[in-house]
Protein backbone atom coordinates (compact mmCIF):
# COMPACT_ATOMS: atom_id res chain seq x y z
CA MET A 1 32.37 -13.59 -14.48
CA VAL A 2 29.97 -12.90 -11.46
CA LYS A 3 30.69 -13.32 -8.34
CA ILE A 4 28.63 -15.50 -6.43
CA HIS A 5 28.15 -14.78 -2.61
CA LYS A 6 27.05 -17.89 -0.43
CA PRO A 7 23.66 -17.28 0.75
CA LEU A 8 23.09 -17.14 4.41
CA LYS A 9 21.19 -20.03 6.05
CA LEU A 10 17.85 -18.02 6.85
CA LYS A 11 16.90 -20.82 9.41
CA SER A 12 19.42 -19.13 12.06
CA TYR A 13 17.01 -15.99 11.77
CA TYR A 14 13.89 -17.39 12.95
CA LEU A 15 13.01 -16.53 16.38
CA CYS A 16 10.03 -17.37 18.61
CA ALA A 17 7.41 -14.64 19.64
CA MET A 18 3.58 -15.17 19.54
CA HIS A 19 2.05 -12.29 17.53
CA TYR A 20 -0.93 -11.94 15.72
CA LEU A 21 -4.31 -10.30 15.01
CA GLY A 22 -7.20 -11.92 16.74
CA GLN A 23 -10.05 -9.82 15.82
CA LEU A 24 -10.58 -7.02 13.00
CA GLN A 25 -13.91 -4.70 13.02
CA LEU A 26 -14.49 -2.10 10.23
CA VAL A 27 -16.81 0.38 10.40
CA ASN A 28 -17.49 2.54 7.13
CA TYR A 29 -13.73 1.79 5.97
CA LYS A 30 -13.71 1.94 1.95
CA ASN A 31 -16.48 -0.28 0.45
CA HIS A 32 -17.02 -2.08 4.23
CA ASP A 33 -20.16 -0.82 6.17
CA PHE A 34 -19.59 -2.97 8.97
CA LEU A 35 -17.55 -6.44 9.24
CA THR A 36 -16.20 -8.37 11.80
CA LEU A 37 -13.61 -11.32 11.48
CA ASP A 38 -12.07 -13.48 14.02
CA PHE A 39 -8.58 -14.85 12.67
CA SER A 40 -6.64 -17.76 13.03
CA PRO A 41 -3.19 -17.21 14.39
CA LYS A 42 -1.94 -19.16 11.60
CA VAL A 43 -3.39 -19.12 7.88
CA ASN A 44 -6.44 -17.08 6.65
CA ALA A 45 -7.74 -16.78 3.55
CA ILE A 46 -10.51 -14.07 2.45
CA VAL A 47 -11.98 -15.01 -0.72
CA GLY A 48 -14.61 -13.50 -3.05
CA LYS A 49 -15.03 -11.82 -6.27
CA ASN A 50 -13.07 -8.75 -7.38
CA GLY A 51 -14.65 -5.79 -6.10
CA VAL A 52 -15.98 -7.24 -2.81
CA GLY A 53 -13.15 -5.77 -0.48
CA LYS A 54 -10.64 -8.38 0.36
CA THR A 55 -7.56 -5.90 -0.48
CA ASN A 56 -9.35 -3.40 2.04
CA ILE A 57 -9.18 -5.87 4.84
CA LEU A 58 -5.59 -6.50 4.28
CA ASP A 59 -5.13 -2.56 3.94
CA ALA A 60 -7.09 -2.21 7.45
CA VAL A 61 -4.67 -4.47 8.93
CA HIS A 62 -1.91 -2.52 7.69
CA TYR A 63 -3.89 0.38 9.08
CA LEU A 64 -3.45 -1.04 12.52
CA SER A 65 0.12 -1.65 12.28
CA MET A 66 1.37 1.69 10.67
CA CYS A 67 -1.38 4.34 11.40
CA LYS A 68 -2.02 4.59 7.78
CA SER A 69 -3.17 3.11 4.62
CA TYR A 70 -0.99 0.97 2.42
CA LEU A 71 -2.83 1.94 -0.58
CA ASN A 72 -4.02 5.51 -0.02
CA PRO A 73 -2.47 7.80 2.49
CA LEU A 74 -5.19 10.36 2.43
CA ASP A 75 -7.38 9.53 5.17
CA LYS A 76 -10.57 11.16 4.06
CA GLN A 77 -10.44 9.21 1.05
CA ASN A 78 -10.81 5.86 2.93
CA ILE A 79 -14.19 6.89 4.21
CA ARG A 80 -17.13 4.98 3.04
CA HIS A 81 -18.75 6.84 0.16
CA ASN A 82 -21.57 9.26 1.85
CA GLN A 83 -20.34 8.65 5.51
CA GLY A 84 -18.90 10.77 7.67
CA PHE A 85 -16.25 8.58 9.48
CA PHE A 86 -14.48 5.30 9.46
CA SER A 87 -13.05 3.31 12.26
CA ILE A 88 -10.84 0.16 12.55
CA GLN A 89 -10.48 -1.82 15.65
CA GLY A 90 -8.24 -4.97 16.09
CA GLN A 91 -7.54 -7.25 18.77
CA TRP A 92 -3.50 -7.78 18.80
CA VAL A 93 -2.39 -10.85 20.61
CA GLN A 94 1.17 -11.00 21.90
CA ASP A 95 2.45 -14.11 24.08
CA GLN A 96 -0.34 -13.92 26.86
CA ARG A 97 -0.98 -10.31 26.04
CA SER A 98 -4.04 -8.77 24.42
CA ASP A 99 -4.18 -5.07 23.34
CA GLN A 100 -6.98 -3.20 21.83
CA VAL A 101 -6.24 -0.87 18.99
CA LEU A 102 -8.77 1.69 17.53
CA CYS A 103 -7.96 3.88 14.53
CA SER A 104 -10.54 6.56 13.73
CA VAL A 105 -11.05 9.28 11.18
CA LYS A 106 -13.63 11.73 11.15
CA ALA A 107 -14.12 14.14 8.21
CA GLY A 108 -12.76 17.56 9.13
CA ALA A 109 -11.27 16.39 12.40
CA LYS A 110 -7.81 14.88 13.23
CA LYS A 111 -7.09 11.22 13.03
CA VAL A 112 -7.15 9.28 16.40
CA VAL A 113 -5.22 6.04 17.39
CA LYS A 114 -5.71 4.50 20.67
CA ARG A 115 -4.21 1.68 22.23
CA ASN A 116 -6.36 -0.15 25.23
CA LYS A 117 -8.71 2.96 25.24
CA VAL A 118 -5.76 5.56 25.88
CA ALA A 119 -5.13 7.82 22.75
CA TYR A 120 -1.62 8.53 21.54
CA GLU A 121 -0.12 11.99 21.87
CA LYS A 122 2.29 10.95 18.90
CA LEU A 123 1.36 8.33 16.51
CA SER A 124 5.19 7.58 15.88
CA ASP A 125 4.88 6.13 19.41
CA HIS A 126 2.81 3.21 17.88
CA ILE A 127 4.89 2.40 14.91
CA GLY A 128 6.79 -1.01 15.30
CA LEU A 129 4.34 -2.43 18.27
CA TYR A 130 2.52 -4.94 15.75
CA PRO A 131 4.78 -5.37 12.58
CA VAL A 132 3.37 -6.66 9.18
CA VAL A 133 4.60 -7.08 6.10
CA PHE A 134 2.31 -6.55 2.77
CA ILE A 135 3.01 -8.28 -0.62
CA SER A 136 1.00 -6.76 -3.20
CA PRO A 137 0.60 -6.73 -7.00
CA TYR A 138 1.58 -3.05 -6.60
CA ASP A 139 4.93 -3.89 -5.44
CA GLY A 140 6.31 -3.54 -9.04
CA ASP A 141 6.32 -0.05 -8.18
CA LEU A 142 9.57 -0.43 -6.22
CA ILE A 143 11.52 -1.23 -9.60
CA ALA A 144 9.39 0.76 -12.01
CA GLU A 145 9.20 3.76 -10.29
CA GLY A 146 11.42 6.47 -8.83
CA ASN A 147 13.54 6.75 -5.85
CA GLU A 148 10.94 8.41 -3.65
CA ILE A 149 8.91 5.17 -3.77
CA ARG A 150 12.10 3.08 -2.62
CA ARG A 151 13.03 5.56 0.27
CA LYS A 152 9.68 5.45 1.87
CA TRP A 153 9.96 1.91 1.53
CA LEU A 154 13.24 1.76 3.25
CA ASP A 155 12.21 4.54 5.90
CA GLY A 156 8.96 2.25 6.62
CA ILE A 157 11.11 -0.54 7.71
CA ILE A 158 13.70 1.42 9.60
CA SER A 159 11.22 3.29 11.47
CA GLN A 160 9.46 0.17 12.93
CA ILE A 161 12.73 -0.77 14.71
CA ASP A 162 14.48 2.40 15.52
CA ARG A 163 12.23 5.26 17.28
CA ASP A 164 14.99 7.74 17.08
CA TYR A 165 15.00 7.41 13.21
CA LEU A 166 11.74 7.98 13.00
CA GLU A 167 11.64 11.03 15.06
CA ASP A 168 14.85 12.27 13.12
CA LEU A 169 12.84 12.01 9.65
CA ILE A 170 9.72 13.82 11.23
CA LEU A 171 12.24 16.46 12.22
CA PHE A 172 14.24 16.61 8.76
CA HIS A 173 11.13 17.19 7.00
CA ARG A 174 10.22 20.15 9.23
CA ILE A 175 13.54 21.65 8.72
CA LEU A 176 13.33 20.71 4.97
CA ASP A 177 9.94 22.79 4.62
CA GLN A 178 11.34 25.57 6.41
CA ARG A 179 14.58 25.79 4.36
CA ASN A 180 12.74 25.59 1.29
CA ALA A 181 10.21 28.31 2.18
CA LEU A 182 13.01 30.40 2.63
CA LEU A 183 14.41 29.60 -0.45
CA LYS A 184 11.49 30.98 -2.22
CA ASN A 185 11.41 34.08 -0.06
CA ILE A 186 14.86 34.77 -1.05
CA ALA A 187 14.46 34.20 -4.73
CA SER A 188 11.43 36.60 -4.38
CA GLY A 189 13.37 39.21 -2.65
CA LYS A 190 11.52 38.72 0.75
CA SER A 191 14.57 37.13 2.68
CA GLN A 192 18.39 37.35 2.59
CA ARG A 193 20.52 34.85 1.60
CA GLU A 194 22.38 34.89 4.89
CA GLU A 195 19.43 33.56 6.48
CA LEU A 196 20.33 30.20 5.15
CA SER A 197 22.83 29.82 7.86
CA ILE A 198 20.24 29.37 10.42
CA TRP A 199 18.98 25.99 8.76
CA ASN A 200 22.12 24.63 7.41
CA PRO A 201 23.84 23.39 10.39
CA SER A 202 20.54 21.44 11.62
CA PHE A 203 19.67 20.47 8.06
CA SER A 204 23.22 18.94 7.78
CA GLU A 205 23.25 17.57 11.51
CA VAL A 206 19.87 15.52 11.31
CA GLY A 207 20.33 14.67 7.64
CA GLU A 208 23.77 12.97 8.58
CA ARG A 209 21.92 10.74 11.16
CA ILE A 210 19.51 9.82 8.51
CA HIS A 211 22.30 8.95 5.99
CA GLN A 212 24.28 6.92 8.48
CA ARG A 213 21.38 4.99 9.56
CA ARG A 214 20.33 4.35 6.14
CA ALA A 215 23.62 3.08 5.22
CA ALA A 216 23.64 0.65 8.25
CA PHE A 217 20.29 -0.93 7.06
CA ILE A 218 21.58 -1.34 3.42
CA GLU A 219 24.79 -3.04 4.68
CA GLU A 220 22.55 -5.46 6.98
CA PHE A 221 20.09 -5.86 4.53
CA ILE A 222 21.64 -6.82 1.53
CA PRO A 223 22.84 -10.32 2.86
CA LEU A 224 19.25 -11.19 3.87
CA PHE A 225 18.15 -9.91 0.47
CA ARG A 226 20.55 -12.46 -1.37
CA ALA A 227 19.72 -15.01 0.59
CA ASN A 228 15.97 -14.65 -0.20
CA PHE A 229 16.42 -14.08 -3.79
CA SER A 230 18.58 -17.53 -3.78
CA GLN A 231 16.08 -19.45 -2.86
CA ILE A 232 13.31 -17.90 -5.37
CA GLY A 233 15.65 -16.85 -8.62
CA GLN A 234 18.53 -18.53 -10.11
CA SER A 235 21.20 -19.48 -8.43
CA ASP A 236 23.95 -17.91 -10.86
CA GLU A 237 22.44 -14.40 -10.55
CA LEU A 238 23.54 -11.64 -8.13
CA PRO A 239 21.07 -9.25 -7.14
CA ASP A 240 22.19 -5.65 -5.52
CA ILE A 241 21.19 -2.73 -3.87
CA HIS A 242 23.25 0.35 -4.28
CA TYR A 243 22.91 3.26 -1.92
CA ARG A 244 24.03 6.81 -3.03
CA SER A 245 23.85 9.97 -1.06
CA ASP A 246 25.15 13.42 -1.11
CA PHE A 247 26.65 12.68 2.51
CA GLN A 248 29.11 10.16 0.62
CA GLN A 249 30.83 13.31 -1.16
CA GLY A 250 32.61 14.68 2.05
CA ASN A 251 31.84 18.00 4.04
CA PHE A 252 28.14 18.59 3.69
CA ILE A 253 28.10 22.07 4.90
CA ALA A 254 30.67 22.64 2.04
CA LEU A 255 28.33 20.89 -0.41
CA LEU A 256 25.52 22.95 0.62
CA ALA A 257 27.26 26.39 0.16
CA ASN A 258 28.51 25.25 -3.34
CA HIS A 259 24.76 24.63 -4.15
CA GLU A 260 23.32 27.40 -2.56
CA ARG A 261 22.89 29.44 -5.90
CA ARG A 262 21.27 26.40 -7.59
CA ASP A 263 18.92 25.84 -4.61
CA ILE A 264 17.58 29.38 -4.90
CA LEU A 265 17.21 29.33 -8.57
CA PHE A 266 15.02 26.05 -8.33
CA GLN A 267 13.62 27.61 -4.96
CA TYR A 268 14.13 23.98 -3.06
CA SER A 269 16.93 22.18 -1.62
CA THR A 270 18.78 20.45 -4.34
CA ILE A 271 20.67 17.86 -1.89
CA GLY A 272 20.20 15.94 1.01
CA PRO A 273 18.81 13.03 2.41
CA GLN A 274 15.46 13.50 0.50
CA LYS A 275 17.47 12.90 -2.83
CA ASP A 276 19.27 9.57 -1.57
CA GLU A 277 18.97 7.06 -4.19
CA LEU A 278 18.43 3.05 -4.21
CA ALA A 279 19.67 1.69 -7.17
CA LEU A 280 18.61 -1.95 -7.72
CA THR A 281 20.80 -4.15 -10.26
CA LEU A 282 20.86 -7.92 -11.28
CA ASN A 283 24.27 -9.10 -12.17
CA THR A 284 25.55 -5.29 -12.11
CA HIS A 285 22.89 -4.16 -14.72
CA PRO A 286 19.53 -1.98 -13.75
CA VAL A 287 16.96 -4.65 -12.99
CA LYS A 288 14.30 -2.40 -14.35
CA LYS A 289 15.99 -2.05 -17.72
CA PHE A 290 17.58 -5.70 -18.21
CA GLY A 291 15.62 -7.96 -15.78
CA SER A 292 12.70 -10.12 -17.42
CA GLN A 293 9.34 -9.96 -15.92
CA GLY A 294 10.09 -13.20 -13.85
CA GLN A 295 13.44 -12.01 -12.73
CA GLN A 296 11.88 -8.81 -11.38
CA LYS A 297 9.14 -10.69 -9.67
CA SER A 298 12.00 -12.70 -7.72
CA PHE A 299 13.51 -9.55 -7.12
CA ILE A 300 10.56 -7.81 -5.23
CA LEU A 301 9.60 -11.27 -3.54
CA ALA A 302 13.03 -11.35 -2.29
CA LEU A 303 12.89 -7.71 -1.23
CA ARG A 304 9.38 -8.25 0.86
CA LEU A 305 10.83 -11.75 2.39
CA ALA A 306 14.14 -9.93 3.69
CA GLN A 307 11.82 -7.16 4.94
CA TYR A 308 10.07 -9.71 6.91
CA HIS A 309 13.13 -11.57 8.10
CA TYR A 310 14.81 -8.11 8.99
CA LEU A 311 11.73 -7.23 11.04
CA HIS A 312 11.61 -10.69 12.83
CA VAL A 313 15.20 -10.32 13.96
CA HIS A 314 15.06 -6.72 15.24
CA THR A 315 11.38 -7.14 16.76
CA GLY A 316 11.63 -10.29 18.21
CA LYS A 317 8.39 -10.77 16.27
CA LYS A 318 7.16 -12.58 13.46
CA PRO A 319 5.16 -9.95 11.32
CA VAL A 320 1.69 -10.70 10.13
CA LEU A 321 2.28 -11.48 6.44
CA LEU A 322 -0.46 -9.90 4.18
CA LEU A 323 -0.43 -11.89 0.81
CA ASP A 324 -2.52 -10.06 -1.63
CA ASP A 325 -3.80 -12.07 -5.00
CA ILE A 326 -0.66 -13.74 -5.24
CA PHE A 327 -1.98 -16.85 -6.89
CA ASP A 328 -3.33 -14.86 -9.72
CA LYS A 329 -0.13 -12.47 -10.20
CA LEU A 330 2.81 -14.83 -9.43
CA ASP A 331 3.58 -17.88 -11.39
CA HIS A 332 3.53 -21.44 -10.20
CA SER A 333 6.92 -21.84 -9.05
CA ARG A 334 7.06 -18.67 -6.86
CA VAL A 335 3.65 -19.05 -5.28
CA GLN A 336 4.86 -22.89 -4.69
CA LYS A 337 7.89 -21.67 -2.68
CA LEU A 338 5.87 -19.03 -0.81
CA LEU A 339 3.53 -21.90 0.58
CA ASP A 340 6.32 -24.18 1.22
CA LEU A 341 7.75 -21.53 3.25
CA VAL A 342 4.23 -21.18 5.01
CA SER A 343 4.05 -24.80 5.48
CA LYS A 344 7.19 -25.08 7.24
CA ASP A 345 6.20 -22.64 9.81
CA VAL A 346 8.79 -20.01 8.60
CA PHE A 347 5.96 -17.42 8.98
CA GLY A 348 3.80 -16.44 12.04
CA GLN A 349 0.14 -15.63 10.95
CA VAL A 350 -0.72 -15.28 7.43
CA ILE A 351 -3.58 -13.60 5.78
CA ILE A 352 -4.18 -14.30 2.10
CA THR A 353 -6.78 -12.99 -0.31
CA ASP A 354 -7.88 -14.88 -3.62
CA THR A 355 -10.89 -15.14 -6.14
CA GLU A 356 -11.21 -18.82 -5.94
CA LYS A 357 -12.37 -20.73 -3.00
CA ASP A 358 -11.72 -24.30 -4.18
CA ARG A 359 -8.29 -23.31 -5.06
CA VAL A 360 -7.50 -22.01 -1.61
CA LYS A 361 -8.45 -25.12 -0.30
CA SER A 362 -6.46 -26.92 -2.60
CA LEU A 363 -3.24 -25.30 -2.12
CA LEU A 364 -3.65 -24.76 1.52
CA SER A 365 -5.21 -28.22 2.33
CA THR A 366 -2.11 -29.01 4.68
CA GLN A 367 -2.61 -26.45 6.98
CA GLU A 368 -4.00 -27.39 10.26
CA ASP A 369 -5.85 -24.24 11.46
CA LEU A 370 -6.98 -22.61 8.10
CA ARG A 371 -9.90 -20.51 8.11
CA ILE A 372 -11.61 -19.20 5.11
CA PHE A 373 -13.86 -15.85 4.90
CA GLU A 374 -16.06 -15.81 2.05
CA LEU A 375 -16.97 -12.32 1.19
CA PRO A 376 -20.64 -11.69 -0.58
CA LEU A 377 -20.88 -9.13 -3.55
CA ILE A 378 -21.43 -5.93 -2.29
CA GLU A 379 -24.79 -4.21 -3.29
CA SER A 380 -24.25 -0.87 -5.20
């Protein structure tokens, strides 16, 4: 018998904060040479045939929030073909304040991000100021792919509300790179095993902080996740997220010592937070193996909506919700539940993409401030 947990009342999590993207301007971003859009604070729809760059607009909004593409982390590959740079400029509106954010990348040069014409010395200072949540057809990778994808997803959420965690992530990966380089040198006889004692304490200390923060996040996130799943999936199903870390095994320094020979053999660190696992289950079984297509869609949608509510609670802002191609990729019942939440003013600003203008008008006919942007075919 599966124990059913009483779902949370999500309405208790809805705070009020005005936060939206007023204007977006793209220059040489992916397949857009020049484009300016003035968005509604509420619901926006970008429509057009496949290949006209609808998803790329959502990706640009994500870039203005996270200083990187949602779809392609290699900046130079986001520059329009045969061009030397791209720029994304946006006007973020929060309550009565308006901020201009510019992200620009030039081939062969360092990425530049400016807020109100002042460049950031550290891009980490920007993360979390303008939260967004992207619901994409590619989200199935959270279930289908390995733990690295799920760790990046988890880290991306926590980093938006915890600057210290983001700094620890950056520091840990520097330490990890140094330790792995040392392991290679030890294996080739260029360094001595005793030199590992230089990196092990900091590797353990920073790794423990990352582990503790991830564990605290999962503990708070699961009730939100289950509450959203109960609204989308079947009420008699129990979804869960199991967090597994080497730090749960006790003294990590001793564990490093036990794995030292193996680390040298493989020439990389075989334990640590870079190996943490997030197991996704439904009724105690792996959702990847035993979940139906519909159950997996409900699982993913609940993860994203829980992410939205978590960011809302911790930032005091309703994130901008980016919905890519949901009318084609989700079944009618799940689309309807999403649109019901939109109509109930659960979300703040929403930007949707679709291939059919008439379908958008029909499904979003009750929205008072709906703006539809129709993109023309891009000439080759």
